[in-house]
N, C-alpha and C. Protein backbone atom coordinates (compact mmCIF):
# COMPACT_ATOMS: atom_id res chain seq x y z
N MET A 1 -7.69 45.66 -56.40
CA MET A 1 -7.19 46.04 -55.09
C MET A 1 -8.34 45.86 -54.09
N THR A 2 -8.06 45.20 -52.98
CA THR A 2 -9.09 44.97 -51.99
C THR A 2 -9.35 46.23 -51.18
N ARG A 3 -10.45 46.20 -50.43
CA ARG A 3 -10.81 47.35 -49.59
C ARG A 3 -9.73 47.61 -48.55
N GLU A 4 -9.18 46.54 -47.97
CA GLU A 4 -8.13 46.70 -46.96
C GLU A 4 -6.89 47.36 -47.55
N GLU A 5 -6.49 46.92 -48.74
CA GLU A 5 -5.33 47.51 -49.40
C GLU A 5 -5.56 48.99 -49.72
N ARG A 6 -6.77 49.30 -50.18
CA ARG A 6 -7.10 50.70 -50.46
C ARG A 6 -7.03 51.55 -49.19
N GLU A 7 -7.56 51.02 -48.09
CA GLU A 7 -7.56 51.76 -46.83
C GLU A 7 -6.14 52.02 -46.34
N VAL A 8 -5.27 51.02 -46.42
CA VAL A 8 -3.88 51.19 -45.98
C VAL A 8 -3.19 52.24 -46.85
N ARG A 9 -3.42 52.16 -48.16
CA ARG A 9 -2.79 53.12 -49.06
C ARG A 9 -3.28 54.54 -48.80
N GLU A 10 -4.58 54.70 -48.57
CA GLU A 10 -5.13 56.03 -48.28
C GLU A 10 -4.61 56.56 -46.95
N GLU A 11 -4.51 55.69 -45.96
CA GLU A 11 -3.97 56.11 -44.66
C GLU A 11 -2.51 56.54 -44.81
N LEU A 12 -1.75 55.78 -45.59
CA LEU A 12 -0.35 56.13 -45.83
C LEU A 12 -0.24 57.47 -46.55
N ALA A 13 -1.08 57.68 -47.57
CA ALA A 13 -1.05 58.95 -48.30
C ALA A 13 -1.38 60.11 -47.38
N GLY A 14 -2.38 59.95 -46.53
CA GLY A 14 -2.74 61.01 -45.58
C GLY A 14 -1.63 61.30 -44.59
N ARG A 15 -0.97 60.26 -44.08
CA ARG A 15 0.11 60.47 -43.11
C ARG A 15 1.32 61.12 -43.77
N VAL A 16 1.63 60.74 -45.01
CA VAL A 16 2.76 61.36 -45.71
C VAL A 16 2.46 62.83 -45.97
N ARG A 17 1.21 63.15 -46.37
CA ARG A 17 0.83 64.56 -46.58
C ARG A 17 0.96 65.35 -45.28
N ALA A 18 0.52 64.73 -44.17
CA ALA A 18 0.62 65.41 -42.87
C ALA A 18 2.08 65.59 -42.46
N PHE A 19 2.94 64.69 -42.94
CA PHE A 19 4.38 64.78 -42.66
C PHE A 19 4.96 66.03 -43.32
N GLY A 20 4.33 66.48 -44.41
CA GLY A 20 4.71 67.74 -45.03
C GLY A 20 5.68 67.61 -46.19
N ARG A 21 6.15 66.43 -46.46
CA ARG A 21 7.06 66.20 -47.59
C ARG A 21 7.08 64.72 -47.89
N SER A 22 7.78 64.34 -48.93
CA SER A 22 7.84 62.92 -49.26
C SER A 22 8.70 62.18 -48.22
N LEU A 23 8.49 60.89 -48.12
CA LEU A 23 9.20 60.04 -47.17
C LEU A 23 10.20 59.19 -47.95
N HIS A 24 11.44 59.20 -47.51
CA HIS A 24 12.49 58.46 -48.20
C HIS A 24 12.98 57.32 -47.32
N VAL A 25 13.01 56.12 -47.91
CA VAL A 25 13.36 54.90 -47.20
C VAL A 25 14.67 54.35 -47.74
N ARG A 26 15.58 54.02 -46.86
CA ARG A 26 16.82 53.34 -47.23
C ARG A 26 16.67 51.89 -46.82
N HIS A 27 16.75 50.97 -47.77
CA HIS A 27 16.64 49.55 -47.49
C HIS A 27 18.03 48.93 -47.43
N VAL A 28 18.29 48.15 -46.37
CA VAL A 28 19.56 47.46 -46.23
C VAL A 28 19.29 45.98 -46.00
N ASP A 29 19.86 45.14 -46.84
CA ASP A 29 19.81 43.69 -46.66
C ASP A 29 21.01 43.33 -45.79
N ALA A 30 20.74 42.96 -44.54
CA ALA A 30 21.83 42.69 -43.60
C ALA A 30 22.25 41.23 -43.62
N GLY A 31 21.70 40.43 -44.53
CA GLY A 31 22.10 39.03 -44.64
C GLY A 31 20.92 38.09 -44.81
N SER A 32 19.88 38.53 -45.48
CA SER A 32 18.67 37.71 -45.60
C SER A 32 18.80 36.67 -46.71
N CYS A 33 17.77 35.84 -46.80
CA CYS A 33 17.74 34.78 -47.81
C CYS A 33 17.26 35.29 -49.17
N GLY A 34 16.71 36.48 -49.21
CA GLY A 34 16.25 37.07 -50.47
C GLY A 34 14.74 37.13 -50.61
N ALA A 35 14.00 36.37 -49.82
CA ALA A 35 12.55 36.38 -49.92
C ALA A 35 11.99 37.73 -49.50
N CYS A 36 12.56 38.32 -48.46
CA CYS A 36 12.09 39.62 -47.97
C CYS A 36 12.34 40.71 -49.01
N GLU A 37 13.45 40.60 -49.70
CA GLU A 37 13.76 41.62 -50.72
C GLU A 37 12.73 41.60 -51.84
N SER A 38 12.23 40.41 -52.19
CA SER A 38 11.22 40.35 -53.25
C SER A 38 9.94 41.05 -52.81
N GLU A 39 9.60 40.97 -51.52
CA GLU A 39 8.40 41.65 -51.02
C GLU A 39 8.64 43.17 -50.94
N VAL A 40 9.83 43.58 -50.57
CA VAL A 40 10.16 45.01 -50.54
C VAL A 40 10.12 45.56 -51.97
N GLN A 41 10.65 44.79 -52.92
CA GLN A 41 10.61 45.23 -54.31
C GLN A 41 9.18 45.30 -54.83
N ALA A 42 8.31 44.42 -54.32
CA ALA A 42 6.90 44.45 -54.74
C ALA A 42 6.25 45.77 -54.36
N LEU A 43 6.73 46.41 -53.29
CA LEU A 43 6.18 47.71 -52.90
C LEU A 43 6.40 48.77 -53.97
N GLN A 44 7.40 48.57 -54.81
CA GLN A 44 7.73 49.57 -55.81
C GLN A 44 7.03 49.34 -57.15
N ASN A 45 6.22 48.30 -57.24
CA ASN A 45 5.54 48.05 -58.52
C ASN A 45 4.28 48.90 -58.64
N PRO A 46 3.69 48.98 -59.83
CA PRO A 46 2.53 49.85 -60.05
C PRO A 46 1.30 49.48 -59.22
N PHE A 47 1.20 48.25 -58.75
CA PHE A 47 0.04 47.85 -57.96
C PHE A 47 -0.06 48.65 -56.67
N TYR A 48 1.06 48.83 -55.98
CA TYR A 48 1.06 49.60 -54.73
C TYR A 48 1.28 51.09 -54.98
N ASP A 49 1.98 51.44 -56.06
CA ASP A 49 2.11 52.82 -56.53
C ASP A 49 2.51 53.80 -55.42
N LEU A 50 3.58 53.47 -54.71
CA LEU A 50 3.99 54.28 -53.57
C LEU A 50 4.53 55.65 -53.94
N HIS A 51 5.02 55.80 -55.15
CA HIS A 51 5.52 57.12 -55.56
C HIS A 51 4.39 58.13 -55.57
N ARG A 52 3.20 57.66 -55.91
CA ARG A 52 2.05 58.54 -55.97
C ARG A 52 1.67 59.10 -54.60
N VAL A 53 1.93 58.33 -53.54
CA VAL A 53 1.61 58.81 -52.20
C VAL A 53 2.80 59.50 -51.54
N GLY A 54 3.92 59.58 -52.23
CA GLY A 54 5.06 60.32 -51.70
C GLY A 54 6.08 59.49 -50.96
N LEU A 55 6.14 58.19 -51.25
CA LEU A 55 7.11 57.31 -50.60
C LEU A 55 8.12 56.83 -51.63
N PHE A 56 9.40 57.05 -51.35
CA PHE A 56 10.46 56.71 -52.29
C PHE A 56 11.56 55.92 -51.59
N PHE A 57 12.17 54.99 -52.33
CA PHE A 57 13.35 54.30 -51.84
C PHE A 57 14.56 55.07 -52.34
N THR A 58 15.51 55.30 -51.47
CA THR A 58 16.69 56.09 -51.82
C THR A 58 17.95 55.25 -51.66
N PRO A 59 18.93 55.45 -52.53
CA PRO A 59 20.17 54.69 -52.41
C PRO A 59 21.12 55.25 -51.35
N SER A 60 20.86 56.44 -50.87
CA SER A 60 21.75 57.09 -49.92
C SER A 60 21.11 57.22 -48.54
N PRO A 61 21.79 56.76 -47.50
CA PRO A 61 21.23 56.96 -46.16
C PRO A 61 21.21 58.43 -45.75
N ARG A 62 22.00 59.27 -46.40
CA ARG A 62 22.02 60.69 -46.06
C ARG A 62 20.71 61.39 -46.41
N HIS A 63 19.92 60.77 -47.30
CA HIS A 63 18.64 61.35 -47.71
C HIS A 63 17.46 60.59 -47.12
N ALA A 64 17.72 59.62 -46.26
CA ALA A 64 16.66 58.73 -45.78
C ALA A 64 16.01 59.24 -44.50
N ASP A 65 14.70 59.05 -44.42
CA ASP A 65 13.95 59.35 -43.20
C ASP A 65 13.84 58.12 -42.32
N LEU A 66 13.87 56.95 -42.95
CA LEU A 66 13.84 55.73 -42.15
C LEU A 66 14.67 54.65 -42.81
N LEU A 67 15.15 53.73 -41.97
CA LEU A 67 16.01 52.63 -42.40
C LEU A 67 15.21 51.34 -42.29
N LEU A 68 15.04 50.64 -43.40
CA LEU A 68 14.33 49.37 -43.45
C LEU A 68 15.36 48.26 -43.58
N VAL A 69 15.47 47.41 -42.56
CA VAL A 69 16.50 46.37 -42.55
C VAL A 69 15.84 45.01 -42.64
N THR A 70 16.35 44.17 -43.54
CA THR A 70 15.85 42.81 -43.67
C THR A 70 16.99 41.83 -43.38
N GLY A 71 16.62 40.69 -42.83
CA GLY A 71 17.58 39.62 -42.56
C GLY A 71 18.28 39.76 -41.23
N PRO A 72 18.86 38.65 -40.76
CA PRO A 72 19.66 38.73 -39.53
C PRO A 72 20.93 39.50 -39.85
N VAL A 73 21.50 40.13 -38.86
CA VAL A 73 22.71 40.91 -39.11
C VAL A 73 23.90 39.96 -39.11
N THR A 74 24.51 39.82 -40.27
CA THR A 74 25.71 38.99 -40.35
C THR A 74 26.89 39.80 -39.81
N ARG A 75 27.91 39.10 -39.40
CA ARG A 75 29.09 39.79 -38.87
C ARG A 75 29.72 40.69 -39.93
N ALA A 76 29.63 40.30 -41.19
CA ALA A 76 30.19 41.11 -42.28
C ALA A 76 29.38 42.39 -42.51
N MET A 77 28.09 42.39 -42.15
CA MET A 77 27.24 43.56 -42.39
C MET A 77 27.08 44.45 -41.17
N GLU A 78 27.66 44.09 -40.05
CA GLU A 78 27.51 44.90 -38.84
C GLU A 78 28.02 46.32 -39.04
N ARG A 79 29.24 46.45 -39.50
CA ARG A 79 29.84 47.79 -39.69
C ARG A 79 29.13 48.60 -40.76
N PRO A 80 28.85 48.03 -41.97
CA PRO A 80 28.11 48.82 -42.97
C PRO A 80 26.72 49.25 -42.50
N LEU A 81 26.06 48.41 -41.71
CA LEU A 81 24.74 48.77 -41.19
C LEU A 81 24.85 49.93 -40.21
N LYS A 82 25.85 49.88 -39.33
CA LYS A 82 26.05 50.99 -38.40
C LYS A 82 26.42 52.28 -39.14
N MET A 83 27.22 52.15 -40.18
CA MET A 83 27.60 53.33 -40.96
C MET A 83 26.39 53.96 -41.65
N ALA A 84 25.50 53.11 -42.19
CA ALA A 84 24.28 53.63 -42.83
C ALA A 84 23.41 54.35 -41.81
N TYR A 85 23.30 53.78 -40.61
CA TYR A 85 22.50 54.40 -39.55
C TYR A 85 23.09 55.74 -39.13
N GLU A 86 24.41 55.79 -38.94
CA GLU A 86 25.06 57.02 -38.51
C GLU A 86 25.00 58.11 -39.57
N ALA A 87 24.92 57.73 -40.85
CA ALA A 87 24.86 58.71 -41.93
C ALA A 87 23.48 59.34 -42.08
N MET A 88 22.47 58.72 -41.48
CA MET A 88 21.10 59.25 -41.58
C MET A 88 20.95 60.52 -40.76
N PRO A 89 20.14 61.46 -41.25
CA PRO A 89 19.85 62.66 -40.45
C PRO A 89 18.89 62.32 -39.31
N ASP A 90 18.86 63.14 -38.29
CA ASP A 90 17.93 62.95 -37.18
C ASP A 90 16.56 63.47 -37.57
N PRO A 91 15.50 62.92 -37.09
CA PRO A 91 15.39 61.78 -36.22
C PRO A 91 15.55 60.47 -36.99
N LYS A 92 16.23 59.51 -36.40
CA LYS A 92 16.50 58.23 -37.05
C LYS A 92 15.44 57.22 -36.61
N VAL A 93 14.84 56.55 -37.60
CA VAL A 93 13.84 55.52 -37.33
C VAL A 93 14.24 54.26 -38.08
N VAL A 94 14.19 53.13 -37.37
CA VAL A 94 14.61 51.84 -37.93
C VAL A 94 13.44 50.86 -37.90
N ILE A 95 13.22 50.19 -39.03
CA ILE A 95 12.23 49.13 -39.13
C ILE A 95 12.98 47.82 -39.34
N ALA A 96 12.71 46.82 -38.49
CA ALA A 96 13.23 45.47 -38.67
C ALA A 96 12.13 44.69 -39.37
N ALA A 97 12.34 44.34 -40.64
CA ALA A 97 11.30 43.71 -41.45
C ALA A 97 11.66 42.28 -41.79
N CYS A 98 11.05 41.35 -41.17
CA CYS A 98 11.08 39.90 -41.35
C CYS A 98 11.50 39.26 -40.03
N SER A 99 11.13 38.01 -39.86
CA SER A 99 11.42 37.33 -38.60
C SER A 99 12.91 37.30 -38.27
N PRO A 100 13.79 37.01 -39.24
CA PRO A 100 15.22 37.05 -38.91
C PRO A 100 15.69 38.43 -38.45
N ALA A 101 15.13 39.49 -39.02
CA ALA A 101 15.52 40.84 -38.60
C ALA A 101 14.96 41.17 -37.22
N CYS A 102 13.80 40.61 -36.91
CA CYS A 102 13.17 40.89 -35.61
C CYS A 102 13.89 40.22 -34.46
N GLY A 103 14.37 39.02 -34.65
CA GLY A 103 15.02 38.34 -33.53
C GLY A 103 16.05 37.31 -33.92
N GLY A 104 16.46 37.29 -35.15
CA GLY A 104 17.44 36.32 -35.59
C GLY A 104 16.83 35.16 -36.36
N GLY A 105 15.52 34.91 -36.13
CA GLY A 105 14.85 33.82 -36.84
C GLY A 105 15.52 32.49 -36.61
N ILE A 106 15.56 31.67 -37.63
CA ILE A 106 16.19 30.35 -37.49
C ILE A 106 17.71 30.46 -37.41
N TYR A 107 18.24 31.63 -37.74
CA TYR A 107 19.69 31.81 -37.73
C TYR A 107 20.22 32.09 -36.33
N GLY A 108 19.45 32.85 -35.56
CA GLY A 108 19.85 33.18 -34.19
C GLY A 108 21.22 33.84 -34.13
N ARG A 109 21.91 33.63 -33.02
CA ARG A 109 23.29 34.10 -32.88
C ARG A 109 24.21 32.92 -33.18
N SER A 110 25.19 33.15 -34.02
CA SER A 110 26.12 32.08 -34.37
C SER A 110 27.47 32.68 -34.73
N TYR A 111 28.34 31.84 -35.23
CA TYR A 111 29.64 32.32 -35.66
C TYR A 111 29.51 33.32 -36.81
N ALA A 112 28.39 33.26 -37.56
CA ALA A 112 28.22 34.12 -38.74
C ALA A 112 27.24 35.26 -38.53
N THR A 113 26.34 35.14 -37.55
CA THR A 113 25.32 36.17 -37.37
C THR A 113 25.28 36.68 -35.94
N LEU A 114 24.86 37.93 -35.82
CA LEU A 114 24.73 38.56 -34.50
C LEU A 114 23.31 38.47 -33.96
N GLY A 115 22.38 37.97 -34.77
CA GLY A 115 20.98 37.89 -34.37
C GLY A 115 20.17 38.96 -35.08
N GLY A 116 19.12 39.43 -34.41
CA GLY A 116 18.25 40.45 -34.98
C GLY A 116 18.91 41.81 -35.07
N VAL A 117 18.22 42.73 -35.72
CA VAL A 117 18.74 44.08 -35.92
C VAL A 117 18.95 44.79 -34.58
N ASP A 118 18.09 44.49 -33.60
CA ASP A 118 18.21 45.17 -32.31
C ASP A 118 19.48 44.80 -31.54
N ALA A 119 20.23 43.84 -32.03
CA ALA A 119 21.53 43.53 -31.43
C ALA A 119 22.57 44.57 -31.85
N VAL A 120 22.26 45.34 -32.91
CA VAL A 120 23.22 46.30 -33.45
C VAL A 120 22.69 47.74 -33.39
N LEU A 121 21.40 47.93 -33.68
CA LEU A 121 20.80 49.27 -33.74
C LEU A 121 19.53 49.33 -32.89
N PRO A 122 19.14 50.52 -32.46
CA PRO A 122 17.84 50.64 -31.78
C PRO A 122 16.72 50.53 -32.82
N VAL A 123 15.79 49.61 -32.60
CA VAL A 123 14.70 49.37 -33.55
C VAL A 123 13.43 50.03 -33.03
N ASP A 124 12.74 50.74 -33.92
CA ASP A 124 11.50 51.42 -33.57
C ASP A 124 10.27 50.60 -33.91
N VAL A 125 10.31 49.87 -35.03
CA VAL A 125 9.15 49.10 -35.49
C VAL A 125 9.62 47.72 -35.93
N TYR A 126 8.89 46.69 -35.47
CA TYR A 126 9.16 45.31 -35.88
C TYR A 126 8.03 44.85 -36.80
N VAL A 127 8.39 44.28 -37.95
CA VAL A 127 7.41 43.72 -38.89
C VAL A 127 7.73 42.24 -39.05
N PRO A 128 7.02 41.36 -38.31
CA PRO A 128 7.32 39.93 -38.40
C PRO A 128 6.81 39.31 -39.70
N GLY A 129 7.25 38.11 -39.94
CA GLY A 129 6.85 37.36 -41.13
C GLY A 129 8.08 36.94 -41.89
N SER A 130 7.96 35.82 -42.57
CA SER A 130 9.12 35.36 -43.31
C SER A 130 8.68 34.81 -44.66
N PRO A 131 8.54 35.64 -45.65
CA PRO A 131 8.70 37.09 -45.69
C PRO A 131 7.41 37.80 -45.29
N PRO A 132 7.51 39.03 -44.85
CA PRO A 132 6.29 39.79 -44.53
C PRO A 132 5.57 40.22 -45.81
N HIS A 133 4.26 40.21 -45.75
CA HIS A 133 3.44 40.64 -46.89
C HIS A 133 3.67 42.14 -47.12
N PRO A 134 3.59 42.61 -48.36
CA PRO A 134 3.76 44.04 -48.61
C PRO A 134 2.83 44.93 -47.79
N LEU A 135 1.60 44.47 -47.51
CA LEU A 135 0.71 45.26 -46.66
C LEU A 135 1.24 45.36 -45.24
N SER A 136 1.89 44.31 -44.77
CA SER A 136 2.51 44.35 -43.44
C SER A 136 3.64 45.36 -43.43
N LEU A 137 4.40 45.40 -44.53
CA LEU A 137 5.48 46.39 -44.64
C LEU A 137 4.91 47.80 -44.65
N LEU A 138 3.81 48.00 -45.37
CA LEU A 138 3.17 49.32 -45.39
C LEU A 138 2.67 49.71 -44.01
N HIS A 139 2.12 48.75 -43.29
CA HIS A 139 1.66 49.04 -41.93
C HIS A 139 2.85 49.42 -41.05
N GLY A 140 3.98 48.74 -41.22
CA GLY A 140 5.19 49.09 -40.47
C GLY A 140 5.68 50.49 -40.80
N ILE A 141 5.57 50.87 -42.07
CA ILE A 141 5.96 52.23 -42.48
C ILE A 141 5.03 53.26 -41.86
N LEU A 142 3.73 52.93 -41.79
CA LEU A 142 2.78 53.83 -41.12
C LEU A 142 3.16 54.01 -39.65
N LEU A 143 3.48 52.93 -38.97
CA LEU A 143 3.91 53.03 -37.58
C LEU A 143 5.19 53.84 -37.45
N ALA A 144 6.10 53.65 -38.40
CA ALA A 144 7.36 54.41 -38.38
C ALA A 144 7.11 55.90 -38.57
N LEU A 145 6.15 56.25 -39.41
CA LEU A 145 5.79 57.67 -39.58
C LEU A 145 5.34 58.26 -38.25
N GLY A 146 4.57 57.50 -37.50
CA GLY A 146 4.15 57.95 -36.18
C GLY A 146 5.33 58.15 -35.25
N ARG A 147 6.31 57.25 -35.31
CA ARG A 147 7.52 57.38 -34.48
C ARG A 147 8.32 58.62 -34.88
N ILE A 148 8.39 58.90 -36.20
CA ILE A 148 9.10 60.11 -36.66
C ILE A 148 8.41 61.34 -36.09
N GLU A 149 7.08 61.37 -36.17
CA GLU A 149 6.33 62.51 -35.65
C GLU A 149 6.56 62.67 -34.16
N GLN A 150 6.59 61.57 -33.42
CA GLN A 150 6.86 61.63 -31.98
C GLN A 150 8.26 62.19 -31.71
N LYS A 151 9.24 61.70 -32.46
CA LYS A 151 10.61 62.16 -32.24
C LYS A 151 10.78 63.62 -32.62
N ILE A 152 10.12 64.06 -33.70
CA ILE A 152 10.20 65.47 -34.08
C ILE A 152 9.58 66.33 -33.00
N GLY A 153 8.43 65.92 -32.48
CA GLY A 153 7.78 66.66 -31.40
C GLY A 153 8.63 66.73 -30.16
N ARG A 154 9.30 65.63 -29.82
CA ARG A 154 10.16 65.60 -28.64
C ARG A 154 11.36 66.52 -28.83
N GLU A 155 11.95 66.52 -30.05
CA GLU A 155 13.10 67.39 -30.31
C GLU A 155 12.70 68.86 -30.22
N GLU A 156 11.52 69.21 -30.75
CA GLU A 156 11.07 70.60 -30.67
C GLU A 156 10.81 70.99 -29.23
N HIS A 157 10.28 70.07 -28.46
CA HIS A 157 10.01 70.36 -27.04
C HIS A 157 11.32 70.55 -26.28
N VAL A 158 12.30 69.70 -26.53
CA VAL A 158 13.59 69.80 -25.86
C VAL A 158 14.29 71.10 -26.24
N ALA A 159 14.16 71.51 -27.49
CA ALA A 159 14.82 72.73 -27.95
C ALA A 159 14.08 73.98 -27.47
N GLY A 160 12.94 73.81 -26.83
CA GLY A 160 12.21 74.95 -26.31
C GLY A 160 11.32 75.62 -27.32
N ARG A 161 11.09 74.96 -28.46
CA ARG A 161 10.25 75.56 -29.49
C ARG A 161 8.78 75.29 -29.25
N VAL A 162 8.46 74.34 -28.41
CA VAL A 162 7.06 74.04 -28.11
C VAL A 162 6.78 74.45 -26.68
N SER A 163 5.72 75.19 -26.49
CA SER A 163 5.42 75.65 -25.13
C SER A 163 4.59 74.64 -24.38
């Protein structure tokens, strides 16, 4: 493991600990070519060892803290993607991971695709690349943790719990 990889992993572990509980990610393939999924799956192997730092992939959006979407949004996946987003508890954070998810990529808008994820859902973090390196995905998750913390702070302030 390189020094950079160790630093990212340690930063992620510290941020998850500061979050106060484990972080659960729901991954949705909205119509990708499959290359991005192989990189997302690489995050779950022993080399990155994300379970040790408190990061888990969950099959249910009801238990997810953030939604990781890969691929351009196909017309067939628009409704299931919205349903997964609506089933998530607040605060909702969305990561668009890969160039097609960020802006449609080479697919763009067509008879079969709606373009990037932001055409359907509000996106908090963009992770470009086709496919993005697992370290880029980890960096995106770190940024998403910061967005969750911001949203939690804003909700507490709005509710009058923060002076």
